[in-house]
Amino acid sequence: MIQKLQVPVSVVSNFDHRRRTVAPVRVVFDGIPYFVRRIGFHHTYRRGRTLFHVFSVASDTLSFRLVLDTDNLFWSLEEISDGEAG
């Protein structure tokens, strides 16, 4: 089931200076750490002057849509899915 949310989350990310890429590695949601096993999609968009990075990632049990606000470097969780129809 897909749930739409708008909650702050803690994210550990990795920056590769050679490829100049950033990727989330771990998400802490509701006090539970989830290790990112796969990054499915990444895109950016602007709202006014603010650039947002959107990552669709998957752990072993859940999928997340994470958004990084580059103005304040805060991460938010916009969507979570357990893969079940509902």
PDB file of N, CA and C in Angstrom:
ATOM      1  N   MET A   1       0.841  -1.172   0.000  1.00  0.00           N
ATOM      2  CA  MET A   1       0.000   0.000   0.000  1.00  0.00           C
ATOM      3  C   MET A   1       0.893   1.245   0.000  1.00  0.00           C
ATOM      4  N   ILE A   2       0.513   2.216  -0.799  1.00  0.00           N
ATOM      5  CA  ILE A   2       1.259   3.468  -0.893  1.00  0.00           C
ATOM      6  C   ILE A   2       0.637   4.490   0.044  1.00  0.00           C
ATOM      7  N   GLN A   3       1.493   5.112   0.865  1.00  0.00           N
ATOM      8  CA  GLN A   3       1.054   6.158   1.786  1.00  0.00           C
ATOM      9  C   GLN A   3       1.741   7.458   1.416  1.00  0.00           C
ATOM     10  N   LYS A   4       0.975   8.516   1.239  1.00  0.00           N
ATOM     11  CA  LYS A   4       1.522   9.850   1.005  1.00  0.00           C
ATOM     12  C   LYS A   4       1.764  10.504   2.355  1.00  0.00           C
ATOM     13  N   LEU A   5       2.974  11.016   2.545  1.00  0.00           N
ATOM     14  CA  LEU A   5       3.368  11.648   3.802  1.00  0.00           C
ATOM     15  C   LEU A   5       4.078  12.960   3.508  1.00  0.00           C
ATOM     16  N   GLN A   6       4.355  13.692   4.533  1.00  0.00           N
ATOM     17  CA  GLN A   6       5.213  14.876   4.448  1.00  0.00           C
ATOM     18  C   GLN A   6       5.873  15.024   5.808  1.00  0.00           C
ATOM     19  N   VAL A   7       6.849  14.132   6.096  1.00  0.00           N
ATOM     20  CA  VAL A   7       7.480  14.114   7.410  1.00  0.00           C
ATOM     21  C   VAL A   7       8.997  14.222   7.263  1.00  0.00           C
ATOM     22  N   PRO A   8       9.643  14.904   8.208  1.00  0.00           N
ATOM     23  CA  PRO A   8      11.104  14.956   8.185  1.00  0.00           C
ATOM     24  C   PRO A   8      11.695  13.603   8.573  1.00  0.00           C
ATOM     25  N   VAL A   9      12.796  13.239   7.935  1.00  0.00           N
ATOM     26  CA  VAL A   9      13.491  11.990   8.244  1.00  0.00           C
ATOM     27  C   VAL A   9      14.987  12.261   8.302  1.00  0.00           C
ATOM     28  N   SER A  10      15.695  11.356   8.967  1.00  0.00           N
ATOM     29  CA  SER A  10      17.154  11.409   8.989  1.00  0.00           C
ATOM     30  C   SER A  10      17.673  10.524   7.868  1.00  0.00           C
ATOM     31  N   VAL A  11      18.628  11.047   7.118  1.00  0.00           N
ATOM     32  CA  VAL A  11      19.190  10.310   5.988  1.00  0.00           C
ATOM     33  C   VAL A  11      20.704  10.396   6.054  1.00  0.00           C
ATOM     34  N   VAL A  12      21.353   9.253   5.916  1.00  0.00           N
ATOM     35  CA  VAL A  12      22.805   9.204   5.751  1.00  0.00           C
ATOM     36  C   VAL A  12      23.046   9.068   4.255  1.00  0.00           C
ATOM     37  N   SER A  13      23.854   9.970   3.708  1.00  0.00           N
ATOM     38  CA  SER A  13      24.113   9.929   2.270  1.00  0.00           C
ATOM     39  C   SER A  13      25.608   9.834   2.006  1.00  0.00           C
ATOM     40  N   ASN A  14      25.929   9.462   0.770  1.00  0.00           N
ATOM     41  CA  ASN A  14      27.305   9.286   0.349  1.00  0.00           C
ATOM     42  C   ASN A  14      27.562  10.191  -0.854  1.00  0.00           C
ATOM     43  N   PHE A  15      28.666  10.943  -0.810  1.00  0.00           N
ATOM     44  CA  PHE A  15      29.061  11.778  -1.936  1.00  0.00           C
ATOM     45  C   PHE A  15      30.310  11.187  -2.560  1.00  0.00           C
ATOM     46  N   ASP A  16      30.258  10.907  -3.857  1.00  0.00           N
ATOM     47  CA  ASP A  16      31.400  10.387  -4.608  1.00  0.00           C
ATOM     48  C   ASP A  16      32.020  11.558  -5.369  1.00  0.00           C
ATOM     49  N   HIS A  17      33.199  11.987  -4.938  1.00  0.00           N
ATOM     50  CA  HIS A  17      33.819  13.164  -5.545  1.00  0.00           C
ATOM     51  C   HIS A  17      34.298  12.913  -6.971  1.00  0.00           C
ATOM     52  N   ARG A  18      34.579  11.681  -7.326  1.00  0.00           N
ATOM     53  CA  ARG A  18      35.031  11.386  -8.687  1.00  0.00           C
ATOM     54  C   ARG A  18      33.874  11.471  -9.688  1.00  0.00           C
ATOM     55  N   ARG A  19      32.749  10.883  -9.315  1.00  0.00           N
ATOM     56  CA  ARG A  19      31.580  10.924 -10.203  1.00  0.00           C
ATOM     57  C   ARG A  19      30.676  12.118  -9.919  1.00  0.00           C
ATOM     58  N   ARG A  20      30.956  12.833  -8.812  1.00  0.00           N
ATOM     59  CA  ARG A  20      30.184  14.002  -8.405  1.00  0.00           C
ATOM     60  C   ARG A  20      28.705  13.656  -8.251  1.00  0.00           C
ATOM     61  N   THR A  21      28.449  12.574  -7.505  1.00  0.00           N
ATOM     62  CA  THR A  21      27.078  12.130  -7.257  1.00  0.00           C
ATOM     63  C   THR A  21      26.831  11.989  -5.759  1.00  0.00           C
ATOM     64  N   VAL A  22      25.586  12.181  -5.383  1.00  0.00           N
ATOM     65  CA  VAL A  22      25.134  11.988  -4.007  1.00  0.00           C
ATOM     66  C   VAL A  22      24.074  10.902  -4.025  1.00  0.00           C
ATOM     67  N   ALA A  23      24.141   9.999  -3.042  1.00  0.00           N
ATOM     68  CA  ALA A  23      23.151   8.924  -2.965  1.00  0.00           C
ATOM     69  C   ALA A  23      22.818   8.641  -1.509  1.00  0.00           C
ATOM     70  N   PRO A  24      21.529   8.509  -1.185  1.00  0.00           N
ATOM     71  CA  PRO A  24      21.154   8.117   0.174  1.00  0.00           C
ATOM     72  C   PRO A  24      21.574   6.681   0.451  1.00  0.00           C
ATOM     73  N   VAL A  25      22.073   6.442   1.661  1.00  0.00           N
ATOM     74  CA  VAL A  25      22.555   5.115   2.049  1.00  0.00           C
ATOM     75  C   VAL A  25      21.664   4.501   3.121  1.00  0.00           C
ATOM     76  N   ARG A  26      21.167   5.342   4.032  1.00  0.00           N
ATOM     77  CA  ARG A  26      20.323   4.854   5.131  1.00  0.00           C
ATOM     78  C   ARG A  26      19.266   5.899   5.469  1.00  0.00           C
ATOM     79  N   VAL A  27      18.059   5.425   5.742  1.00  0.00           N
ATOM     80  CA  VAL A  27      16.937   6.283   6.112  1.00  0.00           C
ATOM     81  C   VAL A  27      16.468   5.867   7.496  1.00  0.00           C
ATOM     82  N   VAL A  28      16.294   6.830   8.395  1.00  0.00           N
ATOM     83  CA  VAL A  28      15.730   6.544   9.715  1.00  0.00           C
ATOM     84  C   VAL A  28      14.329   7.138   9.739  1.00  0.00           C
ATOM     85  N   PHE A  29      13.330   6.246   9.748  1.00  0.00           N
ATOM     86  CA  PHE A  29      11.930   6.646   9.756  1.00  0.00           C
ATOM     87  C   PHE A  29      11.247   6.014  10.955  1.00  0.00           C
ATOM     88  N   ASP A  30      10.616   6.843  11.765  1.00  0.00           N
ATOM     89  CA  ASP A  30       9.906   6.380  12.961  1.00  0.00           C
ATOM     90  C   ASP A  30      10.843   5.644  13.927  1.00  0.00           C
ATOM     91  N   GLY A  31      12.115   6.077  13.963  1.00  0.00           N
ATOM     92  CA  GLY A  31      13.090   5.474  14.863  1.00  0.00           C
ATOM     93  C   GLY A  31      13.698   4.178  14.367  1.00  0.00           C
ATOM     94  N   ILE A  32      13.321   3.735  13.169  1.00  0.00           N
ATOM     95  CA  ILE A  32      13.819   2.467  12.619  1.00  0.00           C
ATOM     96  C   ILE A  32      14.738   2.770  11.439  1.00  0.00           C
ATOM     97  N   PRO A  33      15.984   2.258  11.468  1.00  0.00           N
ATOM     98  CA  PRO A  33      16.880   2.482  10.330  1.00  0.00           C
ATOM     99  C   PRO A  33      16.583   1.498   9.195  1.00  0.00           C
ATOM    100  N   TYR A  34      16.565   2.015   7.977  1.00  0.00           N
ATOM    101  CA  TYR A  34      16.381   1.203   6.772  1.00  0.00           C
ATOM    102  C   TYR A  34      17.575   1.456   5.865  1.00  0.00           C
ATOM    103  N   PHE A  35      18.286   0.406   5.492  1.00  0.00           N
ATOM    104  CA  PHE A  35      19.424   0.547   4.599  1.00  0.00           C
ATOM    105  C   PHE A  35      18.934   0.532   3.156  1.00  0.00           C
ATOM    106  N   VAL A  36      19.405   1.481   2.372  1.00  0.00           N
ATOM    107  CA  VAL A  36      19.001   1.585   0.974  1.00  0.00           C
ATOM    108  C   VAL A  36      19.723   0.506   0.183  1.00  0.00           C
ATOM    109  N   ARG A  37      18.955  -0.352  -0.445  1.00  0.00           N
ATOM    110  CA  ARG A  37      19.517  -1.436  -1.259  1.00  0.00           C
ATOM    111  C   ARG A  37      19.536  -1.078  -2.739  1.00  0.00           C
ATOM    112  N   ARG A  38      18.599  -0.181  -3.140  1.00  0.00           N
ATOM    113  CA  ARG A  38      18.502   0.144  -4.560  1.00  0.00           C
ATOM    114  C   ARG A  38      17.980   1.573  -4.716  1.00  0.00           C
ATOM    115  N   ILE A  39      18.587   2.302  -5.635  1.00  0.00           N
ATOM    116  CA  ILE A  39      18.095   3.626  -6.004  1.00  0.00           C
ATOM    117  C   ILE A  39      17.427   3.469  -7.357  1.00  0.00           C
ATOM    118  N   GLY A  40      16.121   3.729  -7.388  1.00  0.00           N
ATOM    119  CA  GLY A  40      15.383   3.505  -8.620  1.00  0.00           C
ATOM    120  C   GLY A  40      15.366   4.708  -9.539  1.00  0.00           C
ATOM    121  N   PHE A  41      15.247   5.904  -8.980  1.00  0.00           N
ATOM    122  CA  PHE A  41      15.053   7.080  -9.806  1.00  0.00           C
ATOM    123  C   PHE A  41      15.529   8.304  -9.035  1.00  0.00           C
ATOM    124  N   HIS A  42      16.120   9.231  -9.761  1.00  0.00           N
ATOM    125  CA  HIS A  42      16.538  10.499  -9.168  1.00  0.00           C
ATOM    126  C   HIS A  42      16.222  11.607 -10.162  1.00  0.00           C
ATOM    127  N   HIS A  43      15.585  12.662  -9.701  1.00  0.00           N
ATOM    128  CA  HIS A  43      15.368  13.835 -10.538  1.00  0.00           C
ATOM    129  C   HIS A  43      15.356  15.080  -9.653  1.00  0.00           C
ATOM    130  N   THR A  44      15.424  16.221 -10.297  1.00  0.00           N
ATOM    131  CA  THR A  44      15.414  17.494  -9.583  1.00  0.00           C
ATOM    132  C   THR A  44      14.287  18.365 -10.122  1.00  0.00           C
ATOM    133  N   TYR A  45      13.871  19.313  -9.294  1.00  0.00           N
ATOM    134  CA  TYR A  45      12.934  20.342  -9.735  1.00  0.00           C
ATOM    135  C   TYR A  45      13.167  21.584  -8.895  1.00  0.00           C
ATOM    136  N   ARG A  46      12.677  22.699  -9.391  1.00  0.00           N
ATOM    137  CA  ARG A  46      12.803  23.968  -8.674  1.00  0.00           C
ATOM    138  C   ARG A  46      11.427  24.496  -8.300  1.00  0.00           C
ATOM    139  N   ARG A  47      11.363  25.048  -7.091  1.00  0.00           N
ATOM    140  CA  ARG A  47      10.197  25.811  -6.654  1.00  0.00           C
ATOM    141  C   ARG A  47      10.744  27.174  -6.269  1.00  0.00           C
ATOM    142  N   GLY A  48      10.510  28.159  -7.132  1.00  0.00           N
ATOM    143  CA  GLY A  48      11.144  29.460  -6.942  1.00  0.00           C
ATOM    144  C   GLY A  48      12.643  29.315  -7.153  1.00  0.00           C
ATOM    145  N   ARG A  49      13.415  29.750  -6.182  1.00  0.00           N
ATOM    146  CA  ARG A  49      14.870  29.636  -6.280  1.00  0.00           C
ATOM    147  C   ARG A  49      15.406  28.367  -5.623  1.00  0.00           C
ATOM    148  N   THR A  50      14.528  27.585  -4.999  1.00  0.00           N
ATOM    149  CA  THR A  50      14.957  26.405  -4.249  1.00  0.00           C
ATOM    150  C   THR A  50      15.009  25.180  -5.148  1.00  0.00           C
ATOM    151  N   LEU A  51      16.138  24.485  -5.120  1.00  0.00           N
ATOM    152  CA  LEU A  51      16.314  23.243  -5.867  1.00  0.00           C
ATOM    153  C   LEU A  51      16.025  22.065  -4.946  1.00  0.00           C
ATOM    154  N   PHE A  52      15.234  21.121  -5.438  1.00  0.00           N
ATOM    155  CA  PHE A  52      14.893  19.913  -4.699  1.00  0.00           C
ATOM    156  C   PHE A  52      15.407  18.701  -5.460  1.00  0.00           C
ATOM    157  N   HIS A  53      16.009  17.756  -4.731  1.00  0.00           N
ATOM    158  CA  HIS A  53      16.419  16.466  -5.295  1.00  0.00           C
ATOM    159  C   HIS A  53      15.441  15.416  -4.799  1.00  0.00           C
ATOM    160  N   VAL A  54      14.901  14.628  -5.709  1.00  0.00           N
ATOM    161  CA  VAL A  54      13.936  13.585  -5.372  1.00  0.00           C
ATOM    162  C   VAL A  54      14.567  12.231  -5.684  1.00  0.00           C
ATOM    163  N   PHE A  55      14.587  11.351  -4.682  1.00  0.00           N
ATOM    164  CA  PHE A  55      15.139  10.010  -4.829  1.00  0.00           C
ATOM    165  C   PHE A  55      14.047   8.985  -4.544  1.00  0.00           C
ATOM    166  N   SER A  56      13.877   8.026  -5.435  1.00  0.00           N
ATOM    167  CA  SER A  56      13.034   6.862  -5.160  1.00  0.00           C
ATOM    168  C   SER A  56      13.980   5.725  -4.813  1.00  0.00           C
ATOM    169  N   VAL A  57      13.897   5.238  -3.584  1.00  0.00           N
ATOM    170  CA  VAL A  57      14.831   4.223  -3.103  1.00  0.00           C
ATOM    171  C   VAL A  57      14.060   3.066  -2.481  1.00  0.00           C
ATOM    172  N   ALA A  58      14.740   1.933  -2.359  1.00  0.00           N
ATOM    173  CA  ALA A  58      14.112   0.752  -1.767  1.00  0.00           C
ATOM    174  C   ALA A  58      15.053   0.119  -0.759  1.00  0.00           C
ATOM    175  N   SER A  59      14.462  -0.317   0.352  1.00  0.00           N
ATOM    176  CA  SER A  59      15.182  -1.129   1.336  1.00  0.00           C
ATOM    177  C   SER A  59      14.755  -2.572   1.100  1.00  0.00           C
ATOM    178  N   ASP A  60      15.072  -3.448   2.036  1.00  0.00           N
ATOM    179  CA  ASP A  60      14.651  -4.842   1.898  1.00  0.00           C
ATOM    180  C   ASP A  60      13.139  -4.997   2.002  1.00  0.00           C
ATOM    181  N   THR A  61      12.471  -4.116   2.743  1.00  0.00           N
ATOM    182  CA  THR A  61      11.042  -4.290   3.012  1.00  0.00           C
ATOM    183  C   THR A  61      10.157  -3.155   2.512  1.00  0.00           C
ATOM    184  N   LEU A  62      10.689  -1.948   2.340  1.00  0.00           N
ATOM    185  CA  LEU A  62       9.877  -0.786   1.986  1.00  0.00           C
ATOM    186  C   LEU A  62      10.517   0.015   0.858  1.00  0.00           C
ATOM    187  N   SER A  63       9.685   0.798   0.184  1.00  0.00           N
ATOM    188  CA  SER A  63      10.158   1.757  -0.814  1.00  0.00           C
ATOM    189  C   SER A  63       9.819   3.159  -0.326  1.00  0.00           C
ATOM    190  N   PHE A  64      10.695   4.109  -0.628  1.00  0.00           N
ATOM    191  CA  PHE A  64      10.549   5.477  -0.140  1.00  0.00           C
ATOM    192  C   PHE A  64      10.727   6.471  -1.281  1.00  0.00           C
ATOM    193  N   ARG A  65      10.033   7.607  -1.190  1.00  0.00           N
ATOM    194  CA  ARG A  65      10.341   8.760  -2.024  1.00  0.00           C
ATOM    195  C   ARG A  65      10.862   9.834  -1.084  1.00  0.00           C
ATOM    196  N   LEU A  66      12.143  10.142  -1.227  1.00  0.00           N
ATOM    197  CA  LEU A  66      12.829  11.107  -0.365  1.00  0.00           C
ATOM    198  C   LEU A  66      13.084  12.392  -1.137  1.00  0.00           C
ATOM    199  N   VAL A  67      12.956  13.516  -0.447  1.00  0.00           N
ATOM    200  CA  VAL A  67      13.195  14.814  -1.074  1.00  0.00           C
ATOM    201  C   VAL A  67      14.202  15.589  -0.234  1.00  0.00           C
ATOM    202  N   LEU A  68      15.250  16.072  -0.899  1.00  0.00           N
ATOM    203  CA  LEU A  68      16.274  16.898  -0.261  1.00  0.00           C
ATOM    204  C   LEU A  68      16.076  18.346  -0.687  1.00  0.00           C
ATOM    205  N   ASP A  69      15.855  19.217   0.286  1.00  0.00           N
ATOM    206  CA  ASP A  69      15.734  20.657   0.066  1.00  0.00           C
ATOM    207  C   ASP A  69      17.140  21.242   0.144  1.00  0.00           C
ATOM    208  N   THR A  70      17.645  21.781  -0.965  1.00  0.00           N
ATOM    209  CA  THR A  70      19.029  22.259  -0.980  1.00  0.00           C
ATOM    210  C   THR A  70      19.206  23.605  -0.290  1.00  0.00           C
ATOM    211  N   ASP A  71      18.122  24.299   0.033  1.00  0.00           N
ATOM    212  CA  ASP A  71      18.253  25.552   0.785  1.00  0.00           C
ATOM    213  C   ASP A  71      18.657  25.296   2.228  1.00  0.00           C
ATOM    214  N   ASN A  72      18.013  24.327   2.864  1.00  0.00           N
ATOM    215  CA  ASN A  72      18.299  24.076   4.278  1.00  0.00           C
ATOM    216  C   ASN A  72      18.893  22.690   4.539  1.00  0.00           C
ATOM    217  N   LEU A  73      19.057  21.886   3.483  1.00  0.00           N
ATOM    218  CA  LEU A  73      19.623  20.530   3.551  1.00  0.00           C
ATOM    219  C   LEU A  73      18.788  19.597   4.431  1.00  0.00           C
ATOM    220  N   PHE A  74      17.487  19.839   4.496  1.00  0.00           N
ATOM    221  CA  PHE A  74      16.575  18.964   5.230  1.00  0.00           C
ATOM    222  C   PHE A  74      16.009  17.914   4.280  1.00  0.00           C
ATOM    223  N   TRP A  75      15.897  16.695   4.785  1.00  0.00           N
ATOM    224  CA  TRP A  75      15.286  15.595   4.044  1.00  0.00           C
ATOM    225  C   TRP A  75      13.853  15.411   4.521  1.00  0.00           C
ATOM    226  N   SER A  76      12.963  15.093   3.589  1.00  0.00           N
ATOM    227  CA  SER A  76      11.591  14.759   3.960  1.00  0.00           C
ATOM    228  C   SER A  76      11.158  13.505   3.208  1.00  0.00           C
ATOM    229  N   LEU A  77      10.258  12.779   3.837  1.00  0.00           N
ATOM    230  CA  LEU A  77       9.691  11.565   3.258  1.00  0.00           C
ATOM    231  C   LEU A  77       8.323  11.923   2.705  1.00  0.00           C
ATOM    232  N   GLU A  78       8.147  11.753   1.385  1.00  0.00           N
ATOM    233  CA  GLU A  78       6.882  12.111   0.747  1.00  0.00           C
ATOM    234  C   GLU A  78       5.991  10.909   0.490  1.00  0.00           C
ATOM    235  N   GLU A  79       6.607   9.738   0.360  1.00  0.00           N
ATOM    236  CA  GLU A  79       5.812   8.557   0.039  1.00  0.00           C
ATOM    237  C   GLU A  79       6.519   7.320   0.562  1.00  0.00           C
ATOM    238  N   ILE A  80       5.732   6.369   1.043  1.00  0.00           N
ATOM    239  CA  ILE A  80       6.270   5.100   1.515  1.00  0.00           C
ATOM    240  C   ILE A  80       5.361   3.992   1.002  1.00  0.00           C
ATOM    241  N   SER A  81       5.960   2.878   0.610  1.00  0.00           N
ATOM    242  CA  SER A  81       5.186   1.764   0.075  1.00  0.00           C
ATOM    243  C   SER A  81       5.771   0.454   0.570  1.00  0.00           C
ATOM    244  N   ASP A  82       4.866  -0.479   0.895  1.00  0.00           N
ATOM    245  CA  ASP A  82       5.317  -1.810   1.299  1.00  0.00           C
ATOM    246  C   ASP A  82       5.230  -2.809   0.153  1.00  0.00           C
ATOM    247  N   GLY A  83       4.808  -2.356  -1.032  1.00  0.00           N
ATOM    248  CA  GLY A  83       4.738  -3.224  -2.195  1.00  0.00           C
ATOM    249  C   GLY A  83       3.444  -3.997  -2.332  1.00  0.00           C
ATOM    250  N   GLU A  84       2.582  -3.909  -1.346  1.00  0.00           N
ATOM    251  CA  GLU A  84       1.298  -4.621  -1.383  1.00  0.00           C
ATOM    252  C   GLU A  84       0.244  -3.751  -2.065  1.00  0.00           C
ATOM    253  N   ALA A  85      -0.683  -4.385  -2.762  1.00  0.00           N
ATOM    254  CA  ALA A  85      -1.811  -3.658  -3.347  1.00  0.00           C
ATOM    255  C   ALA A  85      -2.784  -3.298  -2.231  1.00  0.00           C
ATOM    256  N   GLY A  86      -3.369  -2.157  -2.333  1.00  0.00           N
ATOM    257  CA  GLY A  86      -4.296  -1.831  -1.263  1.00  0.00           C
ATOM    258  C   GLY A  86      -4.946  -0.573  -1.489  1.00  0.00           C
TER     259      GLY A  86
END
